[in-house]
Amino acid sequence: MHPAKVHRYLVSLIRMDYAKQLEDGQYALGDQAWRLGLNCIQHSDTLQLVQHLIYDLQSKIGCGIQISKWSPKGPVVVQSIESNHPISIVTKVGSIMPLVNSAAGRLFASYLPEHFVRPLLETEWQKHQELGLNIAPHNWEEFLELKETIRQQQMSAAKGDLLTGINAVGLPVFNSNQGIEFCIVALDSEMFLPVDPQSKIIETLKNEINSINQYIKSR
């Protein structure tokens, strides 16, 4: 295609907010394109199939629920349900969660192929170093140790890592090929959501998400 014609297409896409030009002259998806993609993700067959089970889960544990799916930038929040408790943390739908220190990020990083997640982790570590932040895990070796624990327990946890006094616990929901389809994160104040794998609420959370996985498998 002639460069002039390509330029006209790009100008049209930018005007409609489907594309944007970056500072280095490269082009990326615009906000409207992201919204369109997010809308498709939100209405995926598997997620819609288990909506009633997700709301049942929330009513049983009382904590806030955050659903994340994988995107090229990392975990993106596609659904958020408020907690029943006085302090309610609601994550904005469309938010990209960090891999290093969020429950969703740690979970996806532990279940997806390493060549997908390592470049994103390295980018986050570089930013932390530039800003002088001391956030664990600090490097690839420490992450591999955390990954082993997450895979053994089949859950990830963030104990006040993003917000002081707010805990989050993430568990995987798998597709028919046993790949991670999306992540369910329970989040609440440390008073209502201990991150101890042996606690009653974590046991309930694991049982309910196991039921969700079995339900998907049986379809």
N, C-alpha and C. Protein backbone atom coordinates (compact mmCIF):
# COMPACT_ATOMS: atom_id res chain seq x y z
N MET A 1 0.85 -1.19 0.00
CA MET A 1 0.00 0.00 0.00
C MET A 1 0.89 1.25 0.00
N HIS A 2 0.47 2.25 -0.76
CA HIS A 2 1.24 3.49 -0.86
C HIS A 2 1.29 4.18 0.51
N PRO A 3 2.47 4.72 0.88
CA PRO A 3 2.62 5.37 2.19
C PRO A 3 1.58 6.47 2.46
N ALA A 4 1.22 7.22 1.43
CA ALA A 4 0.23 8.29 1.62
C ALA A 4 -1.13 7.72 2.01
N LYS A 5 -1.47 6.57 1.42
CA LYS A 5 -2.74 5.93 1.75
C LYS A 5 -2.72 5.39 3.17
N VAL A 6 -1.58 4.78 3.56
CA VAL A 6 -1.42 4.28 4.93
C VAL A 6 -1.57 5.43 5.92
N HIS A 7 -0.96 6.57 5.59
CA HIS A 7 -1.04 7.74 6.48
C HIS A 7 -2.48 8.19 6.67
N ARG A 8 -3.26 8.19 5.58
CA ARG A 8 -4.67 8.60 5.69
C ARG A 8 -5.44 7.66 6.61
N TYR A 9 -5.17 6.35 6.48
CA TYR A 9 -5.82 5.37 7.37
C TYR A 9 -5.46 5.64 8.83
N LEU A 10 -4.17 5.90 9.07
CA LEU A 10 -3.72 6.15 10.44
C LEU A 10 -4.36 7.40 11.02
N VAL A 11 -4.45 8.45 10.21
CA VAL A 11 -5.08 9.69 10.67
C VAL A 11 -6.53 9.43 11.06
N SER A 12 -7.24 8.65 10.24
CA SER A 12 -8.64 8.33 10.53
C SER A 12 -8.76 7.53 11.83
N LEU A 13 -7.87 6.54 12.01
CA LEU A 13 -7.91 5.72 13.22
C LEU A 13 -7.59 6.55 14.46
N ILE A 14 -6.65 7.49 14.33
CA ILE A 14 -6.30 8.35 15.47
C ILE A 14 -7.47 9.26 15.82
N ARG A 15 -8.14 9.81 14.82
CA ARG A 15 -9.28 10.69 15.07
C ARG A 15 -10.41 9.96 15.79
N MET A 16 -10.58 8.67 15.48
CA MET A 16 -11.63 7.87 16.12
C MET A 16 -11.14 7.22 17.42
N ASP A 17 -9.89 7.51 17.80
CA ASP A 17 -9.30 7.00 19.04
C ASP A 17 -9.07 5.49 19.01
N TYR A 18 -8.92 4.94 17.80
CA TYR A 18 -8.57 3.52 17.70
C TYR A 18 -7.05 3.33 17.66
N ALA A 19 -6.32 4.41 17.45
CA ALA A 19 -4.86 4.36 17.43
C ALA A 19 -4.32 5.66 18.01
N LYS A 20 -3.05 5.62 18.43
CA LYS A 20 -2.40 6.84 18.93
C LYS A 20 -0.92 6.77 18.60
N GLN A 21 -0.33 7.95 18.47
CA GLN A 21 1.11 8.00 18.18
C GLN A 21 1.87 8.24 19.48
N LEU A 22 2.90 7.43 19.70
CA LEU A 22 3.71 7.54 20.91
C LEU A 22 4.80 8.59 20.72
N GLU A 23 5.47 8.93 21.82
CA GLU A 23 6.50 9.97 21.78
C GLU A 23 7.66 9.60 20.86
N ASP A 24 7.94 8.30 20.73
CA ASP A 24 9.06 7.87 19.87
C ASP A 24 8.67 7.74 18.41
N GLY A 25 7.42 8.12 18.07
CA GLY A 25 6.97 8.06 16.68
C GLY A 25 6.26 6.78 16.31
N GLN A 26 6.33 5.77 17.17
CA GLN A 26 5.63 4.52 16.92
C GLN A 26 4.13 4.69 17.18
N TYR A 27 3.35 3.71 16.71
CA TYR A 27 1.90 3.76 16.90
C TYR A 27 1.45 2.62 17.82
N ALA A 28 0.39 2.88 18.56
CA ALA A 28 -0.16 1.88 19.48
C ALA A 28 -1.68 1.96 19.43
N LEU A 29 -2.34 0.98 20.07
CA LEU A 29 -3.80 0.99 20.14
C LEU A 29 -4.29 2.19 20.93
N GLY A 30 -5.36 2.81 20.46
CA GLY A 30 -5.98 3.91 21.18
C GLY A 30 -6.97 3.41 22.22
N ASP A 31 -7.50 4.34 23.00
CA ASP A 31 -8.41 3.96 24.09
C ASP A 31 -9.67 3.26 23.58
N GLN A 32 -10.18 3.70 22.45
CA GLN A 32 -11.41 3.09 21.92
C GLN A 32 -11.17 1.64 21.51
N ALA A 33 -9.99 1.36 20.96
CA ALA A 33 -9.65 -0.01 20.60
C ALA A 33 -9.54 -0.88 21.84
N TRP A 34 -8.95 -0.31 22.90
CA TRP A 34 -8.85 -1.06 24.16
C TRP A 34 -10.22 -1.34 24.75
N ARG A 35 -11.12 -0.33 24.67
CA ARG A 35 -12.47 -0.53 25.21
C ARG A 35 -13.20 -1.62 24.43
N LEU A 36 -13.03 -1.63 23.13
CA LEU A 36 -13.67 -2.64 22.29
C LEU A 36 -13.15 -4.04 22.65
N GLY A 37 -11.83 -4.15 22.79
CA GLY A 37 -11.25 -5.43 23.16
C GLY A 37 -11.69 -5.89 24.54
N LEU A 38 -11.76 -4.93 25.48
CA LEU A 38 -12.19 -5.26 26.84
C LEU A 38 -13.62 -5.75 26.85
N ASN A 39 -14.47 -5.13 26.04
CA ASN A 39 -15.87 -5.54 25.96
C ASN A 39 -15.98 -6.98 25.46
N CYS A 40 -15.13 -7.35 24.50
CA CYS A 40 -15.13 -8.73 23.99
C CYS A 40 -14.67 -9.70 25.07
N ILE A 41 -13.64 -9.30 25.82
CA ILE A 41 -13.12 -10.16 26.89
C ILE A 41 -14.19 -10.39 27.96
N GLN A 42 -14.89 -9.30 28.33
CA GLN A 42 -15.90 -9.39 29.38
C GLN A 42 -17.01 -10.37 29.02
N HIS A 43 -17.27 -10.51 27.73
CA HIS A 43 -18.39 -11.35 27.30
C HIS A 43 -17.92 -12.70 26.74
N SER A 44 -16.74 -13.15 27.19
CA SER A 44 -16.28 -14.46 26.76
C SER A 44 -17.23 -15.53 27.28
N ASP A 45 -17.37 -16.60 26.53
CA ASP A 45 -18.34 -17.64 26.85
C ASP A 45 -18.11 -18.24 28.24
N THR A 46 -16.86 -18.55 28.56
CA THR A 46 -16.57 -19.20 29.84
C THR A 46 -16.93 -18.31 31.02
N LEU A 47 -16.55 -17.05 30.95
CA LEU A 47 -16.83 -16.13 32.05
C LEU A 47 -18.33 -15.94 32.23
N GLN A 48 -19.06 -15.82 31.14
CA GLN A 48 -20.51 -15.67 31.24
C GLN A 48 -21.17 -16.93 31.79
N LEU A 49 -20.60 -18.07 31.45
CA LEU A 49 -21.14 -19.36 31.88
C LEU A 49 -21.17 -19.49 33.41
N VAL A 50 -20.18 -18.90 34.08
CA VAL A 50 -20.06 -19.11 35.53
C VAL A 50 -20.41 -17.86 36.35
N GLN A 51 -21.09 -16.90 35.74
CA GLN A 51 -21.44 -15.68 36.48
C GLN A 51 -22.23 -15.99 37.75
N HIS A 52 -23.19 -16.89 37.67
CA HIS A 52 -24.00 -17.20 38.86
C HIS A 52 -23.15 -17.81 39.97
N LEU A 53 -22.13 -18.58 39.58
CA LEU A 53 -21.25 -19.19 40.58
C LEU A 53 -20.32 -18.15 41.21
N ILE A 54 -19.91 -17.18 40.42
CA ILE A 54 -19.06 -16.11 40.95
C ILE A 54 -19.82 -15.29 41.99
N TYR A 55 -21.08 -14.98 41.70
CA TYR A 55 -21.88 -14.22 42.67
C TYR A 55 -22.21 -15.06 43.90
N ASP A 56 -22.39 -16.36 43.72
CA ASP A 56 -22.58 -17.25 44.87
C ASP A 56 -21.33 -17.23 45.76
N LEU A 57 -20.17 -17.27 45.13
CA LEU A 57 -18.90 -17.22 45.86
C LEU A 57 -18.81 -15.94 46.68
N GLN A 58 -19.12 -14.82 46.06
CA GLN A 58 -19.02 -13.53 46.77
C GLN A 58 -19.97 -13.48 47.96
N SER A 59 -21.16 -14.02 47.79
CA SER A 59 -22.13 -13.99 48.89
C SER A 59 -21.69 -14.87 50.06
N LYS A 60 -20.93 -15.93 49.77
CA LYS A 60 -20.47 -16.85 50.82
C LYS A 60 -19.29 -16.29 51.61
N ILE A 61 -18.38 -15.58 50.93
CA ILE A 61 -17.19 -15.09 51.64
C ILE A 61 -17.33 -13.63 52.06
N GLY A 62 -18.21 -12.88 51.40
CA GLY A 62 -18.44 -11.49 51.76
C GLY A 62 -17.38 -10.51 51.31
N CYS A 63 -16.28 -11.00 50.78
CA CYS A 63 -15.18 -10.13 50.34
C CYS A 63 -15.45 -9.58 48.94
N GLY A 64 -14.69 -8.56 48.56
CA GLY A 64 -14.75 -8.08 47.20
C GLY A 64 -14.17 -9.11 46.25
N ILE A 65 -14.66 -9.10 45.02
CA ILE A 65 -14.18 -10.05 44.00
C ILE A 65 -13.70 -9.26 42.79
N GLN A 66 -12.55 -9.66 42.29
CA GLN A 66 -11.97 -9.04 41.10
C GLN A 66 -11.66 -10.15 40.10
N ILE A 67 -12.16 -10.01 38.88
CA ILE A 67 -11.88 -10.99 37.82
C ILE A 67 -10.90 -10.36 36.84
N SER A 68 -9.81 -11.07 36.56
CA SER A 68 -8.82 -10.57 35.61
C SER A 68 -8.57 -11.60 34.51
N LYS A 69 -8.32 -11.08 33.31
CA LYS A 69 -7.92 -11.93 32.19
C LYS A 69 -6.59 -11.41 31.67
N TRP A 70 -5.89 -12.27 30.94
CA TRP A 70 -4.58 -11.90 30.44
C TRP A 70 -4.69 -11.03 29.20
N SER A 71 -3.83 -10.02 29.12
CA SER A 71 -3.73 -9.16 27.94
C SER A 71 -2.25 -9.00 27.62
N PRO A 72 -1.91 -8.46 26.45
CA PRO A 72 -0.49 -8.28 26.12
C PRO A 72 0.26 -7.39 27.11
N LYS A 73 -0.47 -6.55 27.86
CA LYS A 73 0.17 -5.68 28.85
C LYS A 73 0.20 -6.28 30.24
N GLY A 74 -0.46 -7.43 30.41
CA GLY A 74 -0.56 -8.05 31.73
C GLY A 74 -2.01 -8.31 32.09
N PRO A 75 -2.29 -8.67 33.35
CA PRO A 75 -3.67 -8.95 33.76
C PRO A 75 -4.53 -7.69 33.68
N VAL A 76 -5.68 -7.79 33.04
CA VAL A 76 -6.60 -6.66 32.94
C VAL A 76 -7.87 -7.03 33.70
N VAL A 77 -8.34 -6.10 34.54
CA VAL A 77 -9.54 -6.33 35.33
C VAL A 77 -10.76 -6.22 34.42
N VAL A 78 -11.58 -7.27 34.39
CA VAL A 78 -12.76 -7.28 33.52
C VAL A 78 -14.07 -7.26 34.31
N GLN A 79 -13.98 -7.49 35.61
CA GLN A 79 -15.18 -7.47 36.45
C GLN A 79 -14.77 -7.20 37.89
N SER A 80 -15.59 -6.42 38.59
CA SER A 80 -15.30 -6.09 39.98
C SER A 80 -16.60 -6.08 40.78
N ILE A 81 -16.62 -6.81 41.90
CA ILE A 81 -17.81 -6.89 42.76
C ILE A 81 -17.43 -6.37 44.14
N GLU A 82 -18.23 -5.49 44.69
CA GLU A 82 -17.92 -4.86 45.97
C GLU A 82 -18.02 -5.84 47.13
N SER A 83 -17.23 -5.56 48.17
CA SER A 83 -17.28 -6.30 49.43
C SER A 83 -18.54 -5.94 50.20
N ASN A 84 -18.98 -6.85 51.07
CA ASN A 84 -20.11 -6.57 51.96
C ASN A 84 -19.67 -5.83 53.22
N HIS A 85 -18.37 -5.66 53.40
CA HIS A 85 -17.83 -5.11 54.63
C HIS A 85 -17.66 -3.58 54.55
N PRO A 86 -17.47 -2.92 55.69
CA PRO A 86 -17.42 -1.44 55.71
C PRO A 86 -16.38 -0.83 54.79
N ILE A 87 -15.20 -1.44 54.72
CA ILE A 87 -14.15 -0.95 53.82
C ILE A 87 -14.23 -1.74 52.52
N SER A 88 -14.64 -1.08 51.46
CA SER A 88 -14.82 -1.77 50.18
C SER A 88 -13.83 -1.23 49.16
N ILE A 89 -13.02 -2.11 48.62
CA ILE A 89 -12.04 -1.75 47.61
C ILE A 89 -12.54 -2.23 46.25
N VAL A 90 -12.77 -1.30 45.35
CA VAL A 90 -13.25 -1.66 44.01
C VAL A 90 -12.19 -1.24 43.00
N THR A 91 -11.69 -2.19 42.25
CA THR A 91 -10.70 -1.90 41.22
C THR A 91 -11.43 -1.55 39.92
N LYS A 92 -11.01 -0.48 39.30
CA LYS A 92 -11.65 -0.02 38.07
C LYS A 92 -11.50 -1.06 36.96
N VAL A 93 -12.61 -1.39 36.31
CA VAL A 93 -12.57 -2.31 35.17
C VAL A 93 -11.71 -1.68 34.07
N GLY A 94 -10.81 -2.47 33.53
CA GLY A 94 -9.87 -1.98 32.53
C GLY A 94 -8.49 -1.71 33.10
N SER A 95 -8.36 -1.75 34.43
CA SER A 95 -7.06 -1.53 35.06
C SER A 95 -6.10 -2.68 34.74
N ILE A 96 -4.86 -2.34 34.48
CA ILE A 96 -3.82 -3.34 34.28
C ILE A 96 -3.11 -3.56 35.61
N MET A 97 -3.09 -4.79 36.08
CA MET A 97 -2.49 -5.10 37.37
C MET A 97 -1.01 -5.45 37.20
N PRO A 98 -0.16 -5.00 38.13
CA PRO A 98 1.26 -5.34 38.05
C PRO A 98 1.50 -6.82 38.28
N LEU A 99 2.55 -7.34 37.66
CA LEU A 99 2.86 -8.76 37.83
C LEU A 99 3.60 -9.03 39.14
N VAL A 100 4.46 -8.11 39.54
CA VAL A 100 5.34 -8.36 40.67
C VAL A 100 4.60 -8.42 42.00
N ASN A 101 3.70 -7.47 42.24
CA ASN A 101 3.15 -7.34 43.59
C ASN A 101 1.63 -7.34 43.68
N SER A 102 0.94 -7.86 42.68
CA SER A 102 -0.51 -8.05 42.81
C SER A 102 -0.81 -9.54 42.81
N ALA A 103 -1.90 -9.92 43.46
CA ALA A 103 -2.27 -11.34 43.51
C ALA A 103 -2.55 -11.88 42.11
N ALA A 104 -3.25 -11.08 41.29
CA ALA A 104 -3.55 -11.51 39.92
C ALA A 104 -2.28 -11.65 39.11
N GLY A 105 -1.39 -10.66 39.22
CA GLY A 105 -0.15 -10.69 38.46
C GLY A 105 0.72 -11.87 38.82
N ARG A 106 0.87 -12.13 40.11
CA ARG A 106 1.69 -13.25 40.56
C ARG A 106 1.11 -14.59 40.09
N LEU A 107 -0.21 -14.66 40.08
CA LEU A 107 -0.85 -15.91 39.67
C LEU A 107 -0.63 -16.17 38.18
N PHE A 108 -0.93 -15.17 37.35
CA PHE A 108 -0.73 -15.34 35.91
C PHE A 108 0.74 -15.63 35.60
N ALA A 109 1.64 -14.91 36.26
CA ALA A 109 3.07 -15.11 36.01
C ALA A 109 3.51 -16.52 36.38
N SER A 110 2.80 -17.15 37.31
CA SER A 110 3.16 -18.50 37.75
C SER A 110 2.59 -19.59 36.85
N TYR A 111 1.54 -19.27 36.10
CA TYR A 111 0.88 -20.30 35.28
C TYR A 111 1.11 -20.13 33.78
N LEU A 112 1.52 -18.96 33.35
CA LEU A 112 1.77 -18.74 31.92
C LEU A 112 3.22 -19.08 31.58
N PRO A 113 3.50 -19.37 30.31
CA PRO A 113 4.88 -19.68 29.91
C PRO A 113 5.84 -18.55 30.29
N GLU A 114 7.03 -18.93 30.71
CA GLU A 114 8.00 -17.95 31.20
C GLU A 114 8.38 -16.92 30.14
N HIS A 115 8.42 -17.33 28.87
CA HIS A 115 8.82 -16.37 27.84
C HIS A 115 7.76 -15.29 27.62
N PHE A 116 6.53 -15.51 28.08
CA PHE A 116 5.50 -14.47 28.05
C PHE A 116 5.71 -13.44 29.16
N VAL A 117 5.99 -13.96 30.34
CA VAL A 117 5.94 -13.09 31.53
C VAL A 117 7.28 -12.49 31.93
N ARG A 118 8.37 -13.16 31.60
CA ARG A 118 9.66 -12.65 32.09
C ARG A 118 9.97 -11.24 31.58
N PRO A 119 9.76 -10.92 30.28
CA PRO A 119 10.04 -9.55 29.84
C PRO A 119 9.23 -8.50 30.60
N LEU A 120 7.96 -8.81 30.91
CA LEU A 120 7.13 -7.86 31.65
C LEU A 120 7.63 -7.71 33.08
N LEU A 121 8.03 -8.82 33.70
CA LEU A 121 8.59 -8.76 35.05
C LEU A 121 9.88 -7.94 35.07
N GLU A 122 10.74 -8.18 34.09
CA GLU A 122 12.01 -7.45 34.04
C GLU A 122 11.76 -5.95 33.88
N THR A 123 10.75 -5.58 33.09
CA THR A 123 10.41 -4.16 32.92
C THR A 123 9.96 -3.55 34.24
N GLU A 124 9.13 -4.27 34.99
CA GLU A 124 8.68 -3.77 36.29
C GLU A 124 9.84 -3.63 37.27
N TRP A 125 10.73 -4.62 37.30
CA TRP A 125 11.88 -4.54 38.20
C TRP A 125 12.77 -3.35 37.85
N GLN A 126 12.92 -3.08 36.57
CA GLN A 126 13.73 -1.95 36.14
C GLN A 126 13.12 -0.64 36.63
N LYS A 127 11.79 -0.52 36.52
CA LYS A 127 11.11 0.69 36.98
C LYS A 127 11.24 0.84 38.50
N HIS A 128 11.11 -0.28 39.22
CA HIS A 128 11.26 -0.24 40.68
C HIS A 128 12.65 0.25 41.07
N GLN A 129 13.66 -0.24 40.33
CA GLN A 129 15.03 0.16 40.61
C GLN A 129 15.23 1.65 40.35
N GLU A 130 14.68 2.13 39.26
CA GLU A 130 14.82 3.55 38.91
C GLU A 130 14.15 4.45 39.95
N LEU A 131 13.03 3.97 40.52
CA LEU A 131 12.28 4.76 41.49
C LEU A 131 12.74 4.51 42.93
N GLY A 132 13.67 3.59 43.10
CA GLY A 132 14.16 3.28 44.44
C GLY A 132 13.17 2.52 45.29
N LEU A 133 12.30 1.72 44.67
CA LEU A 133 11.28 0.97 45.40
C LEU A 133 11.81 -0.41 45.78
N ASN A 134 11.48 -0.83 46.99
CA ASN A 134 11.90 -2.14 47.48
C ASN A 134 10.69 -3.06 47.53
N ILE A 135 10.39 -3.70 46.41
CA ILE A 135 9.19 -4.53 46.28
C ILE A 135 9.58 -5.95 45.91
N ALA A 136 9.12 -6.90 46.72
CA ALA A 136 9.42 -8.32 46.47
C ALA A 136 8.34 -8.95 45.59
N PRO A 137 8.74 -9.97 44.81
CA PRO A 137 10.09 -10.48 44.62
C PRO A 137 10.96 -9.48 43.85
N HIS A 138 12.26 -9.46 44.16
CA HIS A 138 13.14 -8.43 43.62
C HIS A 138 13.78 -8.81 42.29
N ASN A 139 13.78 -10.09 41.94
CA ASN A 139 14.45 -10.53 40.72
C ASN A 139 13.88 -11.88 40.28
N TRP A 140 14.39 -12.39 39.17
CA TRP A 140 13.87 -13.62 38.58
C TRP A 140 14.04 -14.81 39.52
N GLU A 141 15.18 -14.90 40.19
CA GLU A 141 15.43 -16.03 41.10
C GLU A 141 14.42 -16.04 42.24
N GLU A 142 14.15 -14.87 42.81
CA GLU A 142 13.16 -14.79 43.90
C GLU A 142 11.76 -15.11 43.38
N PHE A 143 11.47 -14.68 42.16
CA PHE A 143 10.16 -14.99 41.58
C PHE A 143 9.98 -16.49 41.40
N LEU A 144 11.01 -17.19 40.94
CA LEU A 144 10.90 -18.64 40.73
C LEU A 144 10.59 -19.36 42.04
N GLU A 145 11.15 -18.88 43.15
CA GLU A 145 10.83 -19.47 44.46
C GLU A 145 9.36 -19.23 44.81
N LEU A 146 8.90 -17.99 44.56
CA LEU A 146 7.50 -17.66 44.82
C LEU A 146 6.58 -18.48 43.92
N LYS A 147 6.96 -18.64 42.67
CA LYS A 147 6.17 -19.40 41.71
C LYS A 147 5.97 -20.84 42.18
N GLU A 148 7.01 -21.44 42.72
CA GLU A 148 6.91 -22.81 43.21
C GLU A 148 5.88 -22.92 44.33
N THR A 149 5.89 -21.93 45.23
CA THR A 149 4.92 -21.91 46.34
C THR A 149 3.51 -21.74 45.82
N ILE A 150 3.33 -20.82 44.86
CA ILE A 150 2.01 -20.55 44.29
C ILE A 150 1.46 -21.79 43.60
N ARG A 151 2.30 -22.48 42.84
CA ARG A 151 1.84 -23.68 42.13
C ARG A 151 1.49 -24.80 43.12
N GLN A 152 2.24 -24.90 44.20
CA GLN A 152 1.96 -25.92 45.21
C GLN A 152 0.64 -25.66 45.92
N GLN A 153 0.42 -24.38 46.28
CA GLN A 153 -0.79 -24.02 47.03
C GLN A 153 -1.98 -23.75 46.12
N GLN A 154 -1.72 -23.59 44.81
CA GLN A 154 -2.74 -23.22 43.83
C GLN A 154 -3.44 -21.91 44.22
N MET A 155 -2.67 -20.99 44.76
CA MET A 155 -3.19 -19.67 45.11
C MET A 155 -2.02 -18.70 45.24
N SER A 156 -2.31 -17.43 44.97
CA SER A 156 -1.32 -16.38 45.18
C SER A 156 -1.87 -15.43 46.24
N ALA A 157 -0.99 -14.69 46.87
CA ALA A 157 -1.43 -13.75 47.90
C ALA A 157 -0.64 -12.46 47.80
N ALA A 158 -1.29 -11.37 48.15
CA ALA A 158 -0.63 -10.07 48.28
C ALA A 158 -1.09 -9.49 49.61
N LYS A 159 -0.19 -9.44 50.56
CA LYS A 159 -0.52 -8.99 51.92
C LYS A 159 -0.12 -7.53 52.07
N GLY A 160 -1.05 -6.64 51.76
CA GLY A 160 -0.77 -5.21 51.86
C GLY A 160 0.25 -4.72 50.85
N ASP A 161 0.49 -5.48 49.78
CA ASP A 161 1.52 -5.11 48.81
C ASP A 161 1.14 -3.91 47.96
N LEU A 162 -0.14 -3.76 47.65
CA LEU A 162 -0.59 -2.61 46.86
C LEU A 162 -1.19 -1.53 47.74
N LEU A 163 -1.95 -1.92 48.76
CA LEU A 163 -2.54 -0.98 49.71
C LEU A 163 -2.33 -1.52 51.12
N THR A 164 -1.79 -0.68 51.99
CA THR A 164 -1.54 -1.10 53.36
C THR A 164 -2.84 -1.53 54.04
N GLY A 165 -2.81 -2.71 54.65
CA GLY A 165 -3.98 -3.21 55.37
C GLY A 165 -4.98 -3.94 54.50
N ILE A 166 -4.73 -3.99 53.19
CA ILE A 166 -5.63 -4.68 52.26
C ILE A 166 -4.94 -5.94 51.73
N ASN A 167 -5.59 -7.06 51.92
CA ASN A 167 -5.07 -8.34 51.44
C ASN A 167 -5.82 -8.79 50.19
N ALA A 168 -5.13 -9.58 49.38
CA ALA A 168 -5.74 -10.14 48.17
C ALA A 168 -5.25 -11.57 47.99
N VAL A 169 -6.16 -12.43 47.58
CA VAL A 169 -5.84 -13.84 47.32
C VAL A 169 -6.39 -14.21 45.96
N GLY A 170 -5.53 -14.73 45.09
CA GLY A 170 -5.95 -15.08 43.74
C GLY A 170 -5.89 -16.57 43.48
N LEU A 171 -6.89 -17.07 42.76
CA LEU A 171 -6.93 -18.49 42.38
C LEU A 171 -7.26 -18.60 40.90
N PRO A 172 -6.72 -19.64 40.24
CA PRO A 172 -6.92 -19.78 38.80
C PRO A 172 -8.20 -20.50 38.42
N VAL A 173 -8.78 -20.06 37.31
CA VAL A 173 -9.88 -20.79 36.68
C VAL A 173 -9.36 -21.24 35.32
N PHE A 174 -9.51 -22.53 35.04
CA PHE A 174 -8.90 -23.12 33.85
C PHE A 174 -9.92 -23.34 32.74
N ASN A 175 -9.42 -23.35 31.50
CA ASN A 175 -10.27 -23.67 30.36
C ASN A 175 -10.22 -25.17 30.08
N SER A 176 -10.87 -25.59 29.01
CA SER A 176 -10.96 -27.03 28.70
C SER A 176 -9.60 -27.64 28.36
N ASN A 177 -8.63 -26.79 28.00
CA ASN A 177 -7.28 -27.27 27.70
C ASN A 177 -6.36 -27.20 28.91
N GLN A 178 -6.95 -26.90 30.07
CA GLN A 178 -6.21 -26.77 31.33
C GLN A 178 -5.21 -25.62 31.33
N GLY A 179 -5.47 -24.63 30.47
CA GLY A 179 -4.71 -23.39 30.54
C GLY A 179 -5.50 -22.40 31.39
N ILE A 180 -4.82 -21.43 31.99
CA ILE A 180 -5.51 -20.47 32.83
C ILE A 180 -6.39 -19.57 31.97
N GLU A 181 -7.68 -19.55 32.25
CA GLU A 181 -8.66 -18.77 31.49
C GLU A 181 -8.83 -17.38 32.10
N PHE A 182 -9.01 -17.34 33.40
CA PHE A 182 -9.04 -16.06 34.11
C PHE A 182 -8.70 -16.30 35.57
N CYS A 183 -8.55 -15.23 36.28
CA CYS A 183 -8.14 -15.28 37.68
C CYS A 183 -9.23 -14.66 38.54
N ILE A 184 -9.59 -15.33 39.61
CA ILE A 184 -10.54 -14.77 40.58
C ILE A 184 -9.74 -14.34 41.81
N VAL A 185 -9.84 -13.07 42.14
CA VAL A 185 -9.14 -12.52 43.30
C VAL A 185 -10.16 -12.06 44.33
N ALA A 186 -10.00 -12.55 45.55
CA ALA A 186 -10.77 -12.02 46.68
C ALA A 186 -9.92 -10.94 47.33
N LEU A 187 -10.51 -9.79 47.64
CA LEU A 187 -9.75 -8.73 48.29
C LEU A 187 -10.59 -8.04 49.35
N ASP A 188 -9.93 -7.74 50.46
CA ASP A 188 -10.63 -7.10 51.58
C ASP A 188 -9.59 -6.67 52.60
N SER A 189 -10.04 -6.03 53.67
CA SER A 189 -9.12 -5.64 54.73
C SER A 189 -8.58 -6.90 55.40
N GLU A 190 -7.40 -6.76 56.00
CA GLU A 190 -6.76 -7.92 56.63
C GLU A 190 -7.62 -8.51 57.76
N MET A 191 -8.54 -7.70 58.30
CA MET A 191 -9.43 -8.18 59.35
C MET A 191 -10.36 -9.27 58.83
N PHE A 192 -10.82 -9.11 57.58
CA PHE A 192 -11.80 -10.04 57.01
C PHE A 192 -11.18 -11.08 56.08
N LEU A 193 -9.95 -10.83 55.62
CA LEU A 193 -9.33 -11.75 54.67
C LEU A 193 -7.89 -12.06 55.07
N PRO A 194 -7.70 -13.03 55.96
CA PRO A 194 -6.34 -13.48 56.26
C PRO A 194 -5.79 -14.26 55.07
N VAL A 195 -4.48 -14.21 54.89
CA VAL A 195 -3.89 -14.90 53.74
C VAL A 195 -3.34 -16.28 54.10
N ASP A 196 -3.59 -16.73 55.30
CA ASP A 196 -3.17 -18.06 55.74
C ASP A 196 -3.92 -19.13 54.94
N PRO A 197 -3.20 -19.99 54.20
CA PRO A 197 -3.86 -21.02 53.39
C PRO A 197 -4.76 -21.96 54.20
N GLN A 198 -4.52 -22.04 55.51
CA GLN A 198 -5.31 -22.95 56.36
C GLN A 198 -6.54 -22.28 56.96
N SER A 199 -6.73 -20.99 56.71
CA SER A 199 -7.87 -20.29 57.31
C SER A 199 -9.18 -20.75 56.69
N LYS A 200 -10.26 -20.57 57.43
CA LYS A 200 -11.57 -21.05 56.98
C LYS A 200 -12.01 -20.36 55.70
N ILE A 201 -11.76 -19.04 55.60
CA ILE A 201 -12.23 -18.31 54.42
C ILE A 201 -11.45 -18.74 53.17
N ILE A 202 -10.16 -19.03 53.33
CA ILE A 202 -9.38 -19.51 52.18
C ILE A 202 -9.83 -20.90 51.78
N GLU A 203 -10.17 -21.71 52.76
CA GLU A 203 -10.69 -23.05 52.47
C GLU A 203 -12.00 -22.96 51.68
N THR A 204 -12.88 -22.04 52.10
CA THR A 204 -14.14 -21.84 51.38
C THR A 204 -13.87 -21.34 49.97
N LEU A 205 -12.95 -20.39 49.85
CA LEU A 205 -12.59 -19.84 48.54
C LEU A 205 -12.08 -20.93 47.61
N LYS A 206 -11.20 -21.77 48.11
CA LYS A 206 -10.65 -22.85 47.29
C LYS A 206 -11.73 -23.85 46.87
N ASN A 207 -12.60 -24.20 47.79
CA ASN A 207 -13.67 -25.15 47.49
C ASN A 207 -14.61 -24.61 46.42
N GLU A 208 -14.97 -23.33 46.54
CA GLU A 208 -15.89 -22.73 45.58
C GLU A 208 -15.27 -22.61 44.19
N ILE A 209 -14.01 -22.24 44.14
CA ILE A 209 -13.36 -22.11 42.83
C ILE A 209 -13.07 -23.48 42.23
N ASN A 210 -12.85 -24.47 43.07
CA ASN A 210 -12.75 -25.84 42.56
C ASN A 210 -14.07 -26.27 41.93
N SER A 211 -15.19 -25.87 42.55
CA SER A 211 -16.51 -26.18 41.98
C SER A 211 -16.70 -25.47 40.64
N ILE A 212 -16.21 -24.24 40.54
CA ILE A 212 -16.29 -23.51 39.27
C ILE A 212 -15.49 -24.23 38.19
N ASN A 213 -14.29 -24.68 38.54
CA ASN A 213 -13.46 -25.41 37.57
C ASN A 213 -14.11 -26.72 37.15
N GLN A 214 -14.73 -27.42 38.08
CA GLN A 214 -15.41 -28.66 37.76
C GLN A 214 -16.63 -28.41 36.87
N TYR A 215 -17.32 -27.31 37.13
CA TYR A 215 -18.50 -26.94 36.33
C TYR A 215 -18.09 -26.67 34.88
N ILE A 216 -17.00 -25.93 34.71
CA ILE A 216 -16.51 -25.64 33.35
C ILE A 216 -16.08 -26.93 32.66
N LYS A 217 -15.41 -27.79 33.39
CA LYS A 217 -14.92 -29.05 32.83
C LYS A 217 -16.06 -29.95 32.36
N SER A 218 -17.20 -29.86 33.04
CA SER A 218 -18.33 -30.74 32.72
C SER A 218 -19.17 -30.24 31.55
N ARG A 219 -18.94 -29.02 31.11
CA ARG A 219 -19.75 -28.46 30.02
C ARG A 219 -19.34 -29.03 28.68
